[in-house]
Amino acid sequence: MAKPRVEIRYCSQCRFVLRASWLAQELLFTFSDSLGEVALAPGSGGIFEVLLDGERIFSRAEAGRFPESKELKQLIRDRIEPGRDLGHSDR
């Protein structure tokens, strides 16, 4: 069975690449054995979205803000490893 894939779509014109790469790093540290890939996909128009296996789980446009690292880890955990304790990210 293939491991889940996370895609972070970010606006390159807005220079959101640093935030996208930092979040990718956080996810890779936390889910190193559980994720198959974390991809960064440049876009435009202010986009900042996070997809898990093609399903959008966070949208800056809908939320009106960027995702918190803790929030993103919880969203992914709840879908791929519901019983997993995230330590300080769960408190």
PDB file of N, CA and C in Angstrom:
ATOM      1  N   MET A   1       0.848  -1.198   0.000  1.00  0.00           N
ATOM      2  CA  MET A   1       0.000   0.000   0.000  1.00  0.00           C
ATOM      3  C   MET A   1       0.887   1.254   0.000  1.00  0.00           C
ATOM      4  N   ALA A   2       0.557   2.179  -0.869  1.00  0.00           N
ATOM      5  CA  ALA A   2       1.337   3.416  -0.967  1.00  0.00           C
ATOM      6  C   ALA A   2       1.089   4.303   0.257  1.00  0.00           C
ATOM      7  N   LYS A   3       2.137   4.972   0.684  1.00  0.00           N
ATOM      8  CA  LYS A   3       2.015   5.906   1.804  1.00  0.00           C
ATOM      9  C   LYS A   3       1.392   7.204   1.314  1.00  0.00           C
ATOM     10  N   PRO A   4       0.732   7.930   2.211  1.00  0.00           N
ATOM     11  CA  PRO A   4       0.058   9.182   1.836  1.00  0.00           C
ATOM     12  C   PRO A   4       1.021  10.241   1.280  1.00  0.00           C
ATOM     13  N   ARG A   5       0.456  11.089   0.422  1.00  0.00           N
ATOM     14  CA  ARG A   5       1.208  12.176  -0.198  1.00  0.00           C
ATOM     15  C   ARG A   5       0.593  13.510   0.225  1.00  0.00           C
ATOM     16  N   VAL A   6       1.452  14.399   0.689  1.00  0.00           N
ATOM     17  CA  VAL A   6       1.026  15.754   1.036  1.00  0.00           C
ATOM     18  C   VAL A   6       1.557  16.701  -0.040  1.00  0.00           C
ATOM     19  N   GLU A   7       0.709  17.606  -0.475  1.00  0.00           N
ATOM     20  CA  GLU A   7       1.117  18.635  -1.436  1.00  0.00           C
ATOM     21  C   GLU A   7       0.795  19.992  -0.837  1.00  0.00           C
ATOM     22  N   ILE A   8       1.783  20.860  -0.828  1.00  0.00           N
ATOM     23  CA  ILE A   8       1.581  22.227  -0.355  1.00  0.00           C
ATOM     24  C   ILE A   8       1.673  23.144  -1.567  1.00  0.00           C
ATOM     25  N   ARG A   9       0.546  23.748  -1.915  1.00  0.00           N
ATOM     26  CA  ARG A   9       0.493  24.685  -3.043  1.00  0.00           C
ATOM     27  C   ARG A   9       0.640  26.090  -2.480  1.00  0.00           C
ATOM     28  N   TYR A  10       1.599  26.821  -3.025  1.00  0.00           N
ATOM     29  CA  TYR A  10       1.893  28.152  -2.490  1.00  0.00           C
ATOM     30  C   TYR A  10       2.093  29.150  -3.619  1.00  0.00           C
ATOM     31  N   CYS A  11       1.867  30.421  -3.327  1.00  0.00           N
ATOM     32  CA  CYS A  11       2.053  31.489  -4.305  1.00  0.00           C
ATOM     33  C   CYS A  11       3.529  31.891  -4.331  1.00  0.00           C
ATOM     34  N   SER A  12       4.169  31.665  -5.460  1.00  0.00           N
ATOM     35  CA  SER A  12       5.584  32.035  -5.578  1.00  0.00           C
ATOM     36  C   SER A  12       5.743  33.554  -5.700  1.00  0.00           C
ATOM     37  N   GLN A  13       4.767  34.229  -6.293  1.00  0.00           N
ATOM     38  CA  GLN A  13       4.826  35.686  -6.425  1.00  0.00           C
ATOM     39  C   GLN A  13       4.766  36.373  -5.056  1.00  0.00           C
ATOM     40  N   CYS A  14       4.045  35.749  -4.117  1.00  0.00           N
ATOM     41  CA  CYS A  14       3.906  36.304  -2.765  1.00  0.00           C
ATOM     42  C   CYS A  14       5.051  35.875  -1.848  1.00  0.00           C
ATOM     43  N   ARG A  15       5.949  35.073  -2.390  1.00  0.00           N
ATOM     44  CA  ARG A  15       7.095  34.559  -1.622  1.00  0.00           C
ATOM     45  C   ARG A  15       6.673  33.723  -0.417  1.00  0.00           C
ATOM     46  N   PHE A  16       5.651  32.891  -0.630  1.00  0.00           N
ATOM     47  CA  PHE A  16       5.186  31.994   0.428  1.00  0.00           C
ATOM     48  C   PHE A  16       6.035  30.722   0.504  1.00  0.00           C
ATOM     49  N   VAL A  17       7.083  30.633  -0.316  1.00  0.00           N
ATOM     50  CA  VAL A  17       7.896  29.420  -0.368  1.00  0.00           C
ATOM     51  C   VAL A  17       8.564  29.109   0.973  1.00  0.00           C
ATOM     52  N   LEU A  18       8.993  30.118   1.710  1.00  0.00           N
ATOM     53  CA  LEU A  18       9.646  29.857   2.993  1.00  0.00           C
ATOM     54  C   LEU A  18       8.679  29.219   3.990  1.00  0.00           C
ATOM     55  N   ARG A  19       7.459  29.724   4.040  1.00  0.00           N
ATOM     56  CA  ARG A  19       6.452  29.151   4.929  1.00  0.00           C
ATOM     57  C   ARG A  19       6.106  27.723   4.475  1.00  0.00           C
ATOM     58  N   ALA A  20       5.962  27.526   3.176  1.00  0.00           N
ATOM     59  CA  ALA A  20       5.630  26.201   2.649  1.00  0.00           C
ATOM     60  C   ALA A  20       6.741  25.196   2.943  1.00  0.00           C
ATOM     61  N   SER A  21       7.980  25.602   2.758  1.00  0.00           N
ATOM     62  CA  SER A  21       9.092  24.676   2.997  1.00  0.00           C
ATOM     63  C   SER A  21       9.277  24.389   4.479  1.00  0.00           C
ATOM     64  N   TRP A  22       9.024  25.386   5.332  1.00  0.00           N
ATOM     65  CA  TRP A  22       9.098  25.152   6.773  1.00  0.00           C
ATOM     66  C   TRP A  22       8.034  24.151   7.211  1.00  0.00           C
ATOM     67  N   LEU A  23       6.801  24.323   6.712  1.00  0.00           N
ATOM     68  CA  LEU A  23       5.739  23.383   7.063  1.00  0.00           C
ATOM     69  C   LEU A  23       6.046  21.981   6.532  1.00  0.00           C
ATOM     70  N   ALA A  24       6.609  21.903   5.336  1.00  0.00           N
ATOM     71  CA  ALA A  24       6.996  20.597   4.786  1.00  0.00           C
ATOM     72  C   ALA A  24       8.012  19.921   5.692  1.00  0.00           C
ATOM     73  N   GLN A  25       8.980  20.677   6.157  1.00  0.00           N
ATOM     74  CA  GLN A  25      10.001  20.157   7.066  1.00  0.00           C
ATOM     75  C   GLN A  25       9.365  19.660   8.367  1.00  0.00           C
ATOM     76  N   GLU A  26       8.460  20.432   8.929  1.00  0.00           N
ATOM     77  CA  GLU A  26       7.768  20.032  10.160  1.00  0.00           C
ATOM     78  C   GLU A  26       7.022  18.711   9.965  1.00  0.00           C
ATOM     79  N   LEU A  27       6.342  18.581   8.835  1.00  0.00           N
ATOM     80  CA  LEU A  27       5.593  17.354   8.558  1.00  0.00           C
ATOM     81  C   LEU A  27       6.517  16.165   8.356  1.00  0.00           C
ATOM     82  N   LEU A  28       7.635  16.382   7.678  1.00  0.00           N
ATOM     83  CA  LEU A  28       8.592  15.291   7.460  1.00  0.00           C
ATOM     84  C   LEU A  28       9.228  14.837   8.769  1.00  0.00           C
ATOM     85  N   PHE A  29       9.517  15.765   9.661  1.00  0.00           N
ATOM     86  CA  PHE A  29      10.063  15.391  10.973  1.00  0.00           C
ATOM     87  C   PHE A  29       9.041  14.585  11.770  1.00  0.00           C
ATOM     88  N   THR A  30       7.800  15.030  11.755  1.00  0.00           N
ATOM     89  CA  THR A  30       6.758  14.396  12.561  1.00  0.00           C
ATOM     90  C   THR A  30       6.301  13.057  11.988  1.00  0.00           C
ATOM     91  N   PHE A  31       6.143  12.991  10.669  1.00  0.00           N
ATOM     92  CA  PHE A  31       5.581  11.795  10.033  1.00  0.00           C
ATOM     93  C   PHE A  31       6.596  11.091   9.122  1.00  0.00           C
ATOM     94  N   SER A  32       7.856  11.058   9.541  1.00  0.00           N
ATOM     95  CA  SER A  32       8.929  10.525   8.695  1.00  0.00           C
ATOM     96  C   SER A  32       8.666   9.104   8.205  1.00  0.00           C
ATOM     97  N   ASP A  33       8.047   8.266   9.016  1.00  0.00           N
ATOM     98  CA  ASP A  33       7.793   6.879   8.616  1.00  0.00           C
ATOM     99  C   ASP A  33       6.409   6.673   8.020  1.00  0.00           C
ATOM    100  N   SER A  34       5.556   7.672   8.086  1.00  0.00           N
ATOM    101  CA  SER A  34       4.158   7.509   7.686  1.00  0.00           C
ATOM    102  C   SER A  34       3.805   8.141   6.349  1.00  0.00           C
ATOM    103  N   LEU A  35       4.577   9.144   5.933  1.00  0.00           N
ATOM    104  CA  LEU A  35       4.287   9.821   4.663  1.00  0.00           C
ATOM    105  C   LEU A  35       5.203   9.304   3.559  1.00  0.00           C
ATOM    106  N   GLY A  36       4.650   9.201   2.374  1.00  0.00           N
ATOM    107  CA  GLY A  36       5.447   8.788   1.230  1.00  0.00           C
ATOM    108  C   GLY A  36       6.126   9.958   0.549  1.00  0.00           C
ATOM    109  N   GLU A  37       5.490  11.138   0.662  1.00  0.00           N
ATOM    110  CA  GLU A  37       6.025  12.309  -0.038  1.00  0.00           C
ATOM    111  C   GLU A  37       5.398  13.581   0.518  1.00  0.00           C
ATOM    112  N   VAL A  38       6.201  14.630   0.557  1.00  0.00           N
ATOM    113  CA  VAL A  38       5.695  15.979   0.813  1.00  0.00           C
ATOM    114  C   VAL A  38       6.208  16.822  -0.343  1.00  0.00           C
ATOM    115  N   ALA A  39       5.289  17.320  -1.160  1.00  0.00           N
ATOM    116  CA  ALA A  39       5.649  18.060  -2.362  1.00  0.00           C
ATOM    117  C   ALA A  39       5.299  19.532  -2.223  1.00  0.00           C
ATOM    118  N   LEU A  40       6.153  20.381  -2.775  1.00  0.00           N
ATOM    119  CA  LEU A  40       5.892  21.816  -2.848  1.00  0.00           C
ATOM    120  C   LEU A  40       5.526  22.149  -4.284  1.00  0.00           C
ATOM    121  N   ALA A  41       4.377  22.797  -4.468  1.00  0.00           N
ATOM    122  CA  ALA A  41       3.889  23.116  -5.805  1.00  0.00           C
ATOM    123  C   ALA A  41       3.682  24.624  -5.935  1.00  0.00           C
ATOM    124  N   PRO A  42       4.572  25.311  -6.663  1.00  0.00           N
ATOM    125  CA  PRO A  42       4.418  26.752  -6.827  1.00  0.00           C
ATOM    126  C   PRO A  42       3.184  27.106  -7.645  1.00  0.00           C
ATOM    127  N   GLY A  43       2.546  28.204  -7.257  1.00  0.00           N
ATOM    128  CA  GLY A  43       1.377  28.690  -7.972  1.00  0.00           C
ATOM    129  C   GLY A  43       1.375  30.205  -7.950  1.00  0.00           C
ATOM    130  N   SER A  44       0.197  30.795  -8.123  1.00  0.00           N
ATOM    131  CA  SER A  44       0.079  32.247  -8.133  1.00  0.00           C
ATOM    132  C   SER A  44      -1.260  32.650  -7.538  1.00  0.00           C
ATOM    133  N   GLY A  45      -1.511  33.943  -7.492  1.00  0.00           N
ATOM    134  CA  GLY A  45      -2.800  34.437  -7.034  1.00  0.00           C
ATOM    135  C   GLY A  45      -3.013  34.346  -5.535  1.00  0.00           C
ATOM    136  N   GLY A  46      -1.931  34.285  -4.767  1.00  0.00           N
ATOM    137  CA  GLY A  46      -2.063  34.254  -3.313  1.00  0.00           C
ATOM    138  C   GLY A  46      -2.410  32.897  -2.736  1.00  0.00           C
ATOM    139  N   ILE A  47      -2.306  31.851  -3.544  1.00  0.00           N
ATOM    140  CA  ILE A  47      -2.699  30.515  -3.094  1.00  0.00           C
ATOM    141  C   ILE A  47      -1.799  29.991  -1.973  1.00  0.00           C
ATOM    142  N   PHE A  48      -2.417  29.341  -1.014  1.00  0.00           N
ATOM    143  CA  PHE A  48      -1.703  28.549  -0.006  1.00  0.00           C
ATOM    144  C   PHE A  48      -2.681  27.484   0.449  1.00  0.00           C
ATOM    145  N   GLU A  49      -2.490  26.270  -0.063  1.00  0.00           N
ATOM    146  CA  GLU A  49      -3.363  25.152   0.237  1.00  0.00           C
ATOM    147  C   GLU A  49      -2.533  23.933   0.576  1.00  0.00           C
ATOM    148  N   VAL A  50      -3.113  23.077   1.398  1.00  0.00           N
ATOM    149  CA  VAL A  50      -2.473  21.814   1.736  1.00  0.00           C
ATOM    150  C   VAL A  50      -3.433  20.699   1.352  1.00  0.00           C
ATOM    151  N   LEU A  51      -2.912  19.743   0.577  1.00  0.00           N
ATOM    152  CA  LEU A  51      -3.704  18.608   0.138  1.00  0.00           C
ATOM    153  C   LEU A  51      -3.107  17.320   0.677  1.00  0.00           C
ATOM    154  N   LEU A  52      -3.960  16.382   1.031  1.00  0.00           N
ATOM    155  CA  LEU A  52      -3.532  15.056   1.460  1.00  0.00           C
ATOM    156  C   LEU A  52      -4.169  14.064   0.512  1.00  0.00           C
ATOM    157  N   ASP A  53      -3.340  13.381  -0.251  1.00  0.00           N
ATOM    158  CA  ASP A  53      -3.813  12.442  -1.277  1.00  0.00           C
ATOM    159  C   ASP A  53      -4.873  13.076  -2.177  1.00  0.00           C
ATOM    160  N   GLY A  54      -4.623  14.333  -2.559  1.00  0.00           N
ATOM    161  CA  GLY A  54      -5.509  15.029  -3.485  1.00  0.00           C
ATOM    162  C   GLY A  54      -6.693  15.735  -2.850  1.00  0.00           C
ATOM    163  N   GLU A  55      -6.945  15.498  -1.565  1.00  0.00           N
ATOM    164  CA  GLU A  55      -8.055  16.153  -0.862  1.00  0.00           C
ATOM    165  C   GLU A  55      -7.537  17.385  -0.137  1.00  0.00           C
ATOM    166  N   ARG A  56      -8.158  18.526  -0.401  1.00  0.00           N
ATOM    167  CA  ARG A  56      -7.738  19.757   0.264  1.00  0.00           C
ATOM    168  C   ARG A  56      -8.136  19.689   1.736  1.00  0.00           C
ATOM    169  N   ILE A  57      -7.141  19.834   2.608  1.00  0.00           N
ATOM    170  CA  ILE A  57      -7.424  19.807   4.047  1.00  0.00           C
ATOM    171  C   ILE A  57      -7.234  21.179   4.688  1.00  0.00           C
ATOM    172  N   PHE A  58      -6.611  22.105   3.961  1.00  0.00           N
ATOM    173  CA  PHE A  58      -6.487  23.475   4.452  1.00  0.00           C
ATOM    174  C   PHE A  58      -6.380  24.421   3.273  1.00  0.00           C
ATOM    175  N   SER A  59      -7.084  25.546   3.371  1.00  0.00           N
ATOM    176  CA  SER A  59      -7.033  26.588   2.356  1.00  0.00           C
ATOM    177  C   SER A  59      -6.928  27.943   3.039  1.00  0.00           C
ATOM    178  N   ARG A  60      -5.891  28.676   2.706  1.00  0.00           N
ATOM    179  CA  ARG A  60      -5.727  30.029   3.246  1.00  0.00           C
ATOM    180  C   ARG A  60      -6.901  30.912   2.844  1.00  0.00           C
ATOM    181  N   ALA A  61      -7.398  30.742   1.635  1.00  0.00           N
ATOM    182  CA  ALA A  61      -8.519  31.550   1.153  1.00  0.00           C
ATOM    183  C   ALA A  61      -9.772  31.311   1.993  1.00  0.00           C
ATOM    184  N   GLU A  62     -10.028  30.057   2.357  1.00  0.00           N
ATOM    185  CA  GLU A  62     -11.217  29.739   3.150  1.00  0.00           C
ATOM    186  C   GLU A  62     -11.041  30.135   4.615  1.00  0.00           C
ATOM    187  N   ALA A  63      -9.854  29.891   5.166  1.00  0.00           N
ATOM    188  CA  ALA A  63      -9.618  30.150   6.587  1.00  0.00           C
ATOM    189  C   ALA A  63      -9.300  31.618   6.871  1.00  0.00           C
ATOM    190  N   GLY A  64      -8.812  32.342   5.853  1.00  0.00           N
ATOM    191  CA  GLY A  64      -8.445  33.734   6.050  1.00  0.00           C
ATOM    192  C   GLY A  64      -7.116  33.905   6.777  1.00  0.00           C
ATOM    193  N   ARG A  65      -6.318  32.835   6.815  1.00  0.00           N
ATOM    194  CA  ARG A  65      -5.034  32.843   7.525  1.00  0.00           C
ATOM    195  C   ARG A  65      -4.207  31.649   7.060  1.00  0.00           C
ATOM    196  N   PHE A  66      -2.967  31.620   7.483  1.00  0.00           N
ATOM    197  CA  PHE A  66      -2.105  30.466   7.219  1.00  0.00           C
ATOM    198  C   PHE A  66      -2.356  29.398   8.281  1.00  0.00           C
ATOM    199  N   PRO A  67      -2.064  28.136   7.968  1.00  0.00           N
ATOM    200  CA  PRO A  67      -2.228  27.087   8.977  1.00  0.00           C
ATOM    201  C   PRO A  67      -1.112  27.141  10.016  1.00  0.00           C
ATOM    202  N   GLU A  68      -1.444  26.781  11.237  1.00  0.00           N
ATOM    203  CA  GLU A  68      -0.439  26.608  12.275  1.00  0.00           C
ATOM    204  C   GLU A  68       0.168  25.219  12.086  1.00  0.00           C
ATOM    205  N   SER A  69       1.422  25.063  12.434  1.00  0.00           N
ATOM    206  CA  SER A  69       2.085  23.767  12.327  1.00  0.00           C
ATOM    207  C   SER A  69       1.325  22.701  13.116  1.00  0.00           C
ATOM    208  N   LYS A  70       0.971  23.032  14.343  1.00  0.00           N
ATOM    209  CA  LYS A  70       0.245  22.105  15.219  1.00  0.00           C
ATOM    210  C   LYS A  70      -1.081  21.679  14.584  1.00  0.00           C
ATOM    211  N   GLU A  71      -1.790  22.633  14.036  1.00  0.00           N
ATOM    212  CA  GLU A  71      -3.090  22.383  13.406  1.00  0.00           C
ATOM    213  C   GLU A  71      -2.947  21.439  12.209  1.00  0.00           C
ATOM    214  N   LEU A  72      -1.950  21.691  11.384  1.00  0.00           N
ATOM    215  CA  LEU A  72      -1.724  20.874  10.200  1.00  0.00           C
ATOM    216  C   LEU A  72      -1.342  19.444  10.587  1.00  0.00           C
ATOM    217  N   LYS A  73      -0.494  19.317  11.593  1.00  0.00           N
ATOM    218  CA  LYS A  73      -0.105  17.982  12.068  1.00  0.00           C
ATOM    219  C   LYS A  73      -1.322  17.215  12.574  1.00  0.00           C
ATOM    220  N   GLN A  74      -2.202  17.900  13.284  1.00  0.00           N
ATOM    221  CA  GLN A  74      -3.401  17.243  13.797  1.00  0.00           C
ATOM    222  C   GLN A  74      -4.337  16.828  12.663  1.00  0.00           C
ATOM    223  N   LEU A  75      -4.505  17.691  11.660  1.00  0.00           N
ATOM    224  CA  LEU A  75      -5.368  17.360  10.521  1.00  0.00           C
ATOM    225  C   LEU A  75      -4.854  16.121   9.784  1.00  0.00           C
ATOM    226  N   ILE A  76      -3.546  16.063   9.587  1.00  0.00           N
ATOM    227  CA  ILE A  76      -2.961  14.923   8.884  1.00  0.00           C
ATOM    228  C   ILE A  76      -3.023  13.670   9.747  1.00  0.00           C
ATOM    229  N   ARG A  77      -2.655  13.808  11.012  1.00  0.00           N
ATOM    230  CA  ARG A  77      -2.704  12.671  11.936  1.00  0.00           C
ATOM    231  C   ARG A  77      -4.109  12.066  11.990  1.00  0.00           C
ATOM    232  N   ASP A  78      -5.116  12.916  12.090  1.00  0.00           N
ATOM    233  CA  ASP A  78      -6.495  12.442  12.207  1.00  0.00           C
ATOM    234  C   ASP A  78      -6.923  11.612  11.005  1.00  0.00           C
ATOM    235  N   ARG A  79      -6.281  11.821   9.860  1.00  0.00           N
ATOM    236  CA  ARG A  79      -6.629  11.080   8.649  1.00  0.00           C
ATOM    237  C   ARG A  79      -5.751   9.852   8.417  1.00  0.00           C
ATOM    238  N   ILE A  80      -4.485   9.907   8.814  1.00  0.00           N
ATOM    239  CA  ILE A  80      -3.593   8.785   8.494  1.00  0.00           C
ATOM    240  C   ILE A  80      -3.239   7.895   9.684  1.00  0.00           C
ATOM    241  N   GLU A  81      -3.284   8.446  10.904  1.00  0.00           N
ATOM    242  CA  GLU A  81      -2.947   7.690  12.111  1.00  0.00           C
ATOM    243  C   GLU A  81      -3.775   8.201  13.291  1.00  0.00           C
ATOM    244  N   PRO A  82      -5.092   7.969  13.272  1.00  0.00           N
ATOM    245  CA  PRO A  82      -5.975   8.577  14.266  1.00  0.00           C
ATOM    246  C   PRO A  82      -5.599   8.325  15.726  1.00  0.00           C
ATOM    247  N   GLY A  83      -4.984   7.225  16.045  1.00  0.00           N
ATOM    248  CA  GLY A  83      -4.654   6.928  17.431  1.00  0.00           C
ATOM    249  C   GLY A  83      -3.323   7.473  17.902  1.00  0.00           C
ATOM    250  N   ARG A  84      -2.589   8.087  17.005  1.00  0.00           N
ATOM    251  CA  ARG A  84      -1.232   8.539  17.321  1.00  0.00           C
ATOM    252  C   ARG A  84      -1.216   9.753  18.239  1.00  0.00           C
ATOM    253  N   ASP A  85      -0.323   9.720  19.234  1.00  0.00           N
ATOM    254  CA  ASP A  85      -0.114  10.854  20.129  1.00  0.00           C
ATOM    255  C   ASP A  85       0.949  11.754  19.511  1.00  0.00           C
ATOM    256  N   LEU A  86       0.641  13.035  19.382  1.00  0.00           N
ATOM    257  CA  LEU A  86       1.585  13.997  18.808  1.00  0.00           C
ATOM    258  C   LEU A  86       2.387  14.734  19.881  1.00  0.00           C
ATOM    259  N   GLY A  87       2.317  14.257  21.092  1.00  0.00           N
ATOM    260  CA  GLY A  87       3.081  14.892  22.164  1.00  0.00           C
ATOM    261  C   GLY A  87       2.626  16.318  22.397  1.00  0.00           C
ATOM    262  N   HIS A  88       3.587  17.251  22.391  1.00  0.00           N
ATOM    263  CA  HIS A  88       3.259  18.650  22.689  1.00  0.00           C
ATOM    264  C   HIS A  88       2.304  19.276  21.687  1.00  0.00           C
ATOM    265  N   SER A  89       2.209  18.718  20.477  1.00  0.00           N
ATOM    266  CA  SER A  89       1.289  19.258  19.476  1.00  0.00           C
ATOM    267  C   SER A  89      -0.176  18.926  19.788  1.00  0.00           C
ATOM    268  N   ASP A  90      -0.385  18.018  20.731  1.00  0.00           N
ATOM    269  CA  ASP A  90      -1.762  17.672  21.117  1.00  0.00           C
ATOM    270  C   ASP A  90      -2.219  18.436  22.350  1.00  0.00           C
ATOM    271  N   ARG A  91      -1.348  19.197  22.942  1.00  0.00           N
ATOM    272  CA  ARG A  91      -1.707  19.890  24.174  1.00  0.00           C
ATOM    273  C   ARG A  91      -1.965  21.359  23.934  1.00  0.00           C
TER     274      ARG A  91
END
